[in-house]
């Protein structure tokens, strides 16, 4: 039986992420790169890691050598971006043990250093990212300007080169149709709200990413403090709306989310859209104490039920019906263990 570790503010905040964009000053930026340049970038980054105390903590993955399912699984785990797949022939990633840090190589920038932790842990997440940054920058000429800061392929990432984000679960605020005004309010504060997989994606499972829009003119510490404050405020609003929904009619509130649990325990076919809706109810049930189950286990289940992860589990490409059958089978098998696990 798995013991899941609770994370800070996990009732609302799914995860915290820090991303740093870096480029070598003596290699052309992505739009002008050749395959030779791309190979050099990979060798430099891998070489710096190999020569550090963290040498055994990372594995090097060449994106072109992975199956489509394996690539998609890395996206589903937020270890690489969909954009990196557009450059798969020249791209690679360095992924740490425990998958808390990943370094995308040859995406829009030479290096995209990402760190990811469960719950609201932005400061600790930043520490991990900057530790990796220190290793990669040691002795290497990163593109930097005294006035403009770190130089990047897209000007919107210049300056600190940092994007901080929190992935948050907002079923109650979505239910009462308050997300529009929240998106407008955080936009005025210099933050943006996106879906589960970032720009252009939908808020499946009522999951939203909140991140800083501006990377220049503010320090990394100020950006993190600002995002922490915004995330705390939204989390409190979500908790208030959850309480209102429960207090208005506890039976209706409980019945809805427990019916979703029942479907997950008994369904024989389950598509991805339906699963994400039911996952949202399951996570909400655990967050408010309607069921006694570890939120970390529910979030891991969500990742494992995505299409890429299912195909990797099956060891072959799956058609849509195969995915629906396997997803339902896995839910019936794994959910009882989560519901009865020690937290």
Protein backbone atom coordinates (compact mmCIF):
# COMPACT_ATOMS: atom_id res chain seq x y z
CA UNK A 1 0.00 0.00 0.00
CA UNK A 2 1.35 3.42 -0.98
CA UNK A 3 1.70 6.16 1.63
CA UNK A 4 1.08 9.52 -0.03
CA UNK A 5 2.73 12.63 1.42
CA UNK A 6 0.42 15.64 1.81
CA UNK A 7 1.49 18.90 0.17
CA UNK A 8 0.88 22.51 1.32
CA UNK A 9 -2.50 23.97 0.28
CA UNK A 10 -3.17 20.81 -1.74
CA UNK A 11 -6.94 21.09 -1.27
CA UNK A 12 -6.85 23.77 -4.01
CA UNK A 13 -3.29 23.96 -5.37
CA UNK A 14 -2.22 20.95 -7.42
CA UNK A 15 1.38 21.97 -8.12
CA UNK A 16 3.93 24.76 -8.33
CA UNK A 17 6.29 25.25 -11.26
CA UNK A 18 9.25 27.50 -12.07
CA UNK A 19 10.66 27.77 -15.59
CA UNK A 20 13.88 29.56 -16.57
CA UNK A 21 14.78 30.40 -20.17
CA UNK A 22 18.50 30.48 -20.99
CA UNK A 23 20.59 30.70 -24.18
CA UNK A 24 24.28 30.31 -24.90
CA UNK A 25 25.80 33.56 -26.16
CA UNK A 26 28.05 31.87 -28.73
CA UNK A 27 25.43 29.64 -30.37
CA UNK A 28 22.73 31.07 -32.70
CA UNK A 29 19.27 31.28 -31.13
CA UNK A 30 16.65 28.71 -32.09
CA UNK A 31 15.38 30.31 -35.33
CA UNK A 32 18.93 30.26 -36.77
CA UNK A 33 20.16 26.97 -35.32
CA UNK A 34 21.54 24.13 -37.43
CA UNK A 35 21.60 20.49 -36.36
CA UNK A 36 25.28 20.96 -35.50
CA UNK A 37 24.37 23.82 -33.17
CA UNK A 38 21.61 21.72 -31.61
CA UNK A 39 24.01 18.84 -30.99
CA UNK A 40 26.48 21.23 -29.36
CA UNK A 41 23.77 22.57 -27.05
CA UNK A 42 22.84 19.06 -25.93
CA UNK A 43 26.49 18.11 -25.37
CA UNK A 44 27.16 21.24 -23.31
CA UNK A 45 24.12 20.84 -21.07
CA UNK A 46 24.62 17.10 -20.59
CA UNK A 47 28.32 17.66 -19.98
CA UNK A 48 27.71 20.23 -17.24
CA UNK A 49 25.32 17.87 -15.47
CA UNK A 50 27.68 14.90 -15.90
CA UNK A 51 30.53 16.89 -14.36
CA UNK A 52 28.53 17.95 -11.31
CA UNK A 53 27.58 16.35 -8.01
CA UNK A 54 24.16 15.74 -9.58
CA UNK A 55 25.55 13.51 -12.33
CA UNK A 56 23.64 10.42 -11.23
CA UNK A 57 20.42 12.31 -10.57
CA UNK A 58 19.54 12.98 -14.23
CA UNK A 59 18.81 10.93 -17.32
CA UNK A 60 19.26 12.28 -20.85
CA UNK A 61 16.33 11.67 -23.21
CA UNK A 62 16.47 12.30 -26.96
CA UNK A 63 12.94 13.21 -28.04
CA UNK A 64 13.29 11.73 -31.54
CA UNK A 65 14.13 8.31 -30.07
CA UNK A 66 10.90 8.08 -28.08
CA UNK A 67 7.61 6.67 -29.28
CA UNK A 68 4.69 9.03 -29.80
CA UNK A 69 3.13 7.67 -26.61
CA UNK A 70 6.30 8.24 -24.58
CA UNK A 71 6.55 11.82 -25.85
CA UNK A 72 2.94 12.51 -24.96
CA UNK A 73 3.41 10.99 -21.52
CA UNK A 74 6.25 13.44 -20.81
CA UNK A 75 3.93 16.30 -21.80
CA UNK A 76 1.17 14.91 -19.56
CA UNK A 77 3.62 14.87 -16.66
CA UNK A 78 4.56 18.50 -17.45
CA UNK A 79 8.18 17.41 -17.94
CA UNK A 80 8.29 18.77 -21.48
CA UNK A 81 6.07 21.11 -23.48
CA UNK A 82 4.02 20.45 -26.58
CA UNK A 83 6.27 23.03 -28.27
CA UNK A 84 9.32 20.83 -27.73
CA UNK A 85 7.65 18.16 -29.89
CA UNK A 86 7.71 20.62 -32.79
CA UNK A 87 11.52 20.42 -32.64
CA UNK A 88 11.77 16.72 -31.83
CA UNK A 89 14.49 15.99 -34.40
CA UNK A 90 16.93 18.28 -32.58
CA UNK A 91 15.46 18.23 -29.06
CA UNK A 92 16.40 16.47 -25.83
CA UNK A 93 15.59 16.66 -22.14
CA UNK A 94 17.49 16.07 -18.92
CA UNK A 95 15.06 14.69 -16.33
CA UNK A 96 15.90 14.30 -12.65
CA UNK A 97 15.22 11.33 -10.44
CA UNK A 98 11.79 11.87 -8.93
CA UNK A 99 10.95 14.09 -11.93
CA UNK A 100 11.10 17.30 -9.90
CA UNK A 101 13.43 19.01 -12.40
CA UNK A 102 13.50 18.77 -16.18
CA UNK A 103 15.71 20.67 -18.59
CA UNK A 104 14.28 21.00 -22.09
CA UNK A 105 17.02 21.45 -24.67
CA UNK A 106 16.46 23.17 -28.03
CA UNK A 107 12.87 24.25 -27.68
CA UNK A 108 12.21 27.96 -28.31
CA UNK A 109 15.38 28.66 -26.32
CA UNK A 110 18.53 26.59 -25.92
CA UNK A 111 17.56 25.64 -22.38
CA UNK A 112 14.25 25.69 -20.53
CA UNK A 113 14.93 24.70 -16.91
CA UNK A 114 11.76 23.58 -15.14
CA UNK A 115 11.11 22.51 -11.56
CA UNK A 116 7.82 21.07 -10.32
CA UNK A 117 6.54 20.25 -6.83
CA UNK A 118 3.08 19.34 -5.51
CA UNK A 119 0.96 21.91 -3.70
CA UNK A 120 1.90 25.53 -3.12
CA UNK A 121 5.69 25.42 -2.81
CA UNK A 122 6.87 28.16 -5.16
CA UNK A 123 9.90 29.20 -3.11
CA UNK A 124 11.18 25.63 -2.74
CA UNK A 125 10.43 25.00 -6.41
CA UNK A 126 12.49 28.07 -7.32
CA UNK A 127 15.41 26.76 -5.26
CA UNK A 128 15.46 23.57 -7.34
CA UNK A 129 15.37 25.52 -10.62
CA UNK A 130 18.17 27.87 -9.63
CA UNK A 131 20.33 24.99 -8.38
CA UNK A 132 20.08 23.46 -11.85
CA UNK A 133 20.72 26.90 -13.40
CA UNK A 134 23.91 27.26 -11.35
CA UNK A 135 25.19 23.89 -12.59
CA UNK A 136 24.41 24.68 -16.23
CA UNK A 137 25.80 28.22 -16.14
CA UNK A 138 29.12 27.38 -14.50
CA UNK A 139 31.76 28.42 -17.00
CA UNK A 140 29.24 28.74 -19.83
CA UNK A 141 28.59 32.08 -21.59
CA UNK A 142 24.83 32.60 -21.26
CA UNK A 143 23.38 35.43 -23.37
CA UNK A 144 22.98 38.33 -20.91
CA UNK A 145 22.76 42.10 -21.21
CA UNK A 146 23.34 44.47 -18.31
CA UNK A 147 20.22 46.46 -19.24
CA UNK A 148 17.87 43.80 -20.62
CA UNK A 149 18.88 40.81 -18.52
CA UNK A 150 18.81 37.28 -19.98
CA UNK A 151 18.22 37.36 -23.73
CA UNK A 152 15.65 34.98 -25.20
CA UNK A 153 14.20 34.09 -28.59
CA UNK A 154 10.90 35.72 -27.66
CA UNK A 155 11.23 39.21 -26.11
CA UNK A 156 8.38 38.46 -23.67
CA UNK A 157 10.69 36.03 -21.84
CA UNK A 158 13.70 38.35 -21.59
CA UNK A 159 14.87 39.88 -18.31
CA UNK A 160 14.74 37.29 -15.56
CA UNK A 161 13.74 34.65 -18.10
CA UNK A 162 11.49 33.26 -15.38
CA UNK A 163 7.89 32.04 -15.50
CA UNK A 164 6.37 31.04 -12.19
CA UNK A 165 3.05 29.21 -12.20
CA UNK A 166 0.61 27.47 -9.92
CA UNK A 167 -1.81 24.79 -11.15
CA UNK A 168 -5.03 25.17 -9.17
CA UNK A 169 -8.30 23.26 -8.95
CA UNK A 170 -11.30 25.59 -9.04
CA UNK A 171 -14.54 23.57 -9.40
CA UNK A 172 -16.65 25.81 -7.17
CA UNK A 173 -15.60 29.11 -8.76
CA UNK A 174 -16.17 27.56 -12.18
CA UNK A 175 -19.60 26.31 -11.10
CA UNK A 176 -20.74 29.77 -9.96
CA UNK A 177 -19.30 31.34 -13.13
CA UNK A 178 -16.76 33.59 -11.44
CA UNK A 179 -13.74 32.59 -13.50
CA UNK A 180 -14.27 35.39 -16.01
CA UNK A 181 -13.94 38.12 -13.41
CA UNK A 182 -11.01 36.35 -11.76
CA UNK A 183 -9.15 36.16 -15.07
CA UNK A 184 -9.74 39.89 -15.61
CA UNK A 185 -8.64 40.75 -12.06
CA UNK A 186 -5.38 38.79 -12.15
CA UNK A 187 -4.63 40.18 -15.61
CA UNK A 188 -4.60 43.68 -14.15
CA UNK A 189 -2.01 42.48 -11.62
CA UNK A 190 0.32 41.17 -14.32
CA UNK A 191 -0.70 37.52 -14.25
CA UNK A 192 -2.45 35.29 -16.76
CA UNK A 193 -4.74 32.27 -16.46
CA UNK A 194 -4.48 29.30 -18.84
CA UNK A 195 -5.63 25.71 -19.05
CA UNK A 196 -4.05 22.48 -17.84
CA UNK A 197 -1.23 22.41 -20.43
CA UNK A 198 -0.63 26.14 -20.68
CA UNK A 199 -1.27 28.53 -23.54
CA UNK A 200 -4.08 27.47 -25.86
CA UNK A 201 -5.22 24.53 -23.72
CA UNK A 202 -8.56 24.01 -22.00
CA UNK A 203 -9.21 23.97 -18.26
CA UNK A 204 -10.03 20.25 -18.24
CA UNK A 205 -10.98 19.00 -14.79
CA UNK A 206 -11.44 22.62 -13.68
CA UNK A 207 -7.64 22.95 -13.57
CA UNK A 208 -6.14 26.37 -14.29
CA UNK A 209 -2.56 27.61 -14.54
CA UNK A 210 -1.83 31.04 -13.09
CA UNK A 211 1.51 32.54 -14.12
CA UNK A 212 3.34 35.86 -14.40
CA UNK A 213 3.01 37.74 -17.69
CA UNK A 214 6.02 40.04 -17.20
CA UNK A 215 9.60 38.74 -16.91
CA UNK A 216 11.40 42.09 -17.08
CA UNK A 217 11.60 44.96 -14.61
CA UNK A 218 10.90 42.87 -11.51
CA UNK A 219 13.08 40.55 -9.47
CA UNK A 220 12.46 36.83 -9.27
CA UNK A 221 11.63 37.21 -5.58
CA UNK A 222 8.97 39.86 -6.32
CA UNK A 223 7.39 37.68 -9.00
CA UNK A 224 7.16 34.70 -6.66
CA UNK A 225 5.75 36.79 -3.82
CA UNK A 226 3.16 38.28 -6.17
CA UNK A 227 2.08 34.88 -7.47
CA UNK A 228 1.89 33.50 -3.94
CA UNK A 229 -0.38 36.36 -2.91
CA UNK A 230 -2.66 35.97 -5.94
CA UNK A 231 -2.84 32.19 -5.55
CA UNK A 232 -3.65 32.51 -1.84
CA UNK A 233 -6.49 34.93 -2.58
CA UNK A 234 -8.00 32.73 -5.28
CA UNK A 235 -7.66 29.65 -3.08
CA UNK A 236 -9.56 31.39 -0.29
CA UNK A 237 -12.32 32.40 -2.70
CA UNK A 238 -12.56 28.81 -3.92
CA UNK A 239 -12.84 27.51 -0.35
CA UNK A 240 -15.57 30.03 0.43
CA UNK A 241 -17.57 29.01 -2.64
CA UNK A 242 -17.18 25.33 -1.79
CA UNK A 243 -18.58 26.01 1.68
CA UNK A 244 -21.51 27.98 0.24
CA UNK A 245 -22.36 25.17 -2.16
CA UNK A 246 -22.23 22.60 0.63
CA UNK A 247 -24.20 24.72 3.11
CA UNK A 248 -26.90 25.48 0.52
CA UNK A 249 -27.81 21.77 0.30
CA UNK A 250 -25.37 19.21 1.75
CA UNK A 251 -27.30 16.28 0.28
CA UNK A 252 -27.25 17.63 -3.27
CA UNK A 253 -23.56 18.59 -2.99
CA UNK A 254 -22.55 15.19 -1.62
CA UNK A 255 -24.81 13.24 -3.96
CA UNK A 256 -23.29 14.81 -7.07
CA UNK A 257 -19.68 14.11 -6.24
CA UNK A 258 -20.37 10.63 -4.84
CA UNK A 259 -22.23 9.66 -8.02
CA UNK A 260 -19.02 10.51 -9.87
CA UNK A 261 -17.06 8.22 -7.56
CA UNK A 262 -19.59 5.48 -8.25
CA UNK A 263 -19.21 5.85 -12.00
CA UNK A 264 -15.43 5.63 -11.77
CA UNK A 265 -15.70 2.45 -9.71
CA UNK A 266 -18.11 0.74 -12.10
CA UNK A 267 -17.70 2.08 -15.65
CA UNK A 268 -16.54 -0.22 -18.45
CA UNK A 269 -15.84 2.57 -20.95
CA UNK A 270 -14.38 5.97 -20.06
CA UNK A 271 -13.20 8.67 -22.47
CA UNK A 272 -10.75 11.35 -21.48
CA UNK A 273 -13.23 14.23 -21.25
CA UNK A 274 -15.58 12.31 -18.98
CA UNK A 275 -12.70 11.16 -16.82
CA UNK A 276 -11.46 14.71 -16.20
CA UNK A 277 -14.94 15.81 -15.10
CA UNK A 278 -15.18 12.86 -12.71
CA UNK A 279 -11.61 13.42 -11.48
CA UNK A 280 -12.59 16.97 -10.57
CA UNK A 281 -15.48 15.68 -8.45
CA UNK A 282 -13.28 13.00 -6.87
CA UNK A 283 -10.62 15.55 -5.96
CA UNK A 284 -13.27 17.89 -4.57
CA UNK A 285 -14.73 15.06 -2.46
CA UNK A 286 -11.32 14.37 -0.92
CA UNK A 287 -10.54 18.07 -0.45
CA UNK A 288 -13.70 18.79 1.58
CA UNK A 289 -13.64 15.53 3.53
CA UNK A 290 -16.61 13.80 1.92
CA UNK A 291 -14.26 10.87 1.29
CA UNK A 292 -11.08 10.01 3.17
CA UNK A 293 -8.55 9.66 0.38
CA UNK A 294 -5.10 11.17 -0.34
CA UNK A 295 -5.25 14.04 -2.80
CA UNK A 296 -1.73 13.16 -4.00
CA UNK A 297 -2.97 9.72 -5.00
CA UNK A 298 -5.91 11.21 -6.89
CA UNK A 299 -3.61 13.62 -8.75
CA UNK A 300 -1.26 10.78 -9.68
CA UNK A 301 -4.24 8.81 -10.97
CA UNK A 302 -5.19 11.78 -13.13
CA UNK A 303 -1.76 11.80 -14.78
CA UNK A 304 -1.78 8.05 -15.32
CA UNK A 305 -5.18 8.07 -17.00
CA UNK A 306 -4.10 10.42 -19.80
CA UNK A 307 -3.82 9.01 -23.32
CA UNK A 308 -0.03 8.88 -23.59
CA UNK A 309 0.39 7.21 -20.22
CA UNK A 310 -2.24 4.61 -21.06
CA UNK A 311 -0.48 3.72 -24.32
CA UNK A 312 2.85 3.40 -22.49
CA UNK A 313 1.14 1.16 -19.93
CA UNK A 314 -0.28 -1.03 -22.69
CA UNK A 315 3.05 -1.14 -24.51
CA UNK A 316 1.42 -0.40 -27.86
CA UNK A 317 -0.55 2.21 -29.76
CA UNK A 318 -4.20 2.23 -28.71
CA UNK A 319 -7.26 3.25 -30.69
CA UNK A 320 -9.92 5.37 -28.99
CA UNK A 321 -12.02 2.41 -27.86
CA UNK A 322 -8.98 0.59 -26.45
CA UNK A 323 -8.11 3.68 -24.42
CA UNK A 324 -11.65 3.90 -23.06
CA UNK A 325 -11.61 0.25 -22.02
CA UNK A 326 -8.14 0.38 -20.45
CA UNK A 327 -8.92 3.63 -18.61
CA UNK A 328 -12.09 2.14 -17.11
CA UNK A 329 -10.28 -1.09 -16.18
CA UNK A 330 -7.47 0.82 -14.48
CA UNK A 331 -9.93 2.97 -12.55
CA UNK A 332 -11.81 -0.04 -11.24
CA UNK A 333 -8.51 -1.62 -10.23
CA UNK A 334 -6.67 1.35 -8.74
CA UNK A 335 -9.31 3.62 -7.26
CA UNK A 336 -10.30 1.22 -4.43
CA UNK A 337 -6.65 1.10 -3.34
CA UNK A 338 -6.49 4.92 -3.23
CA UNK A 339 -9.76 5.15 -1.33
CA UNK A 340 -8.43 2.70 1.26
CA UNK A 341 -4.83 3.94 1.43
CA UNK A 342 -3.02 5.40 4.42
CA UNK A 343 -2.55 9.14 4.02
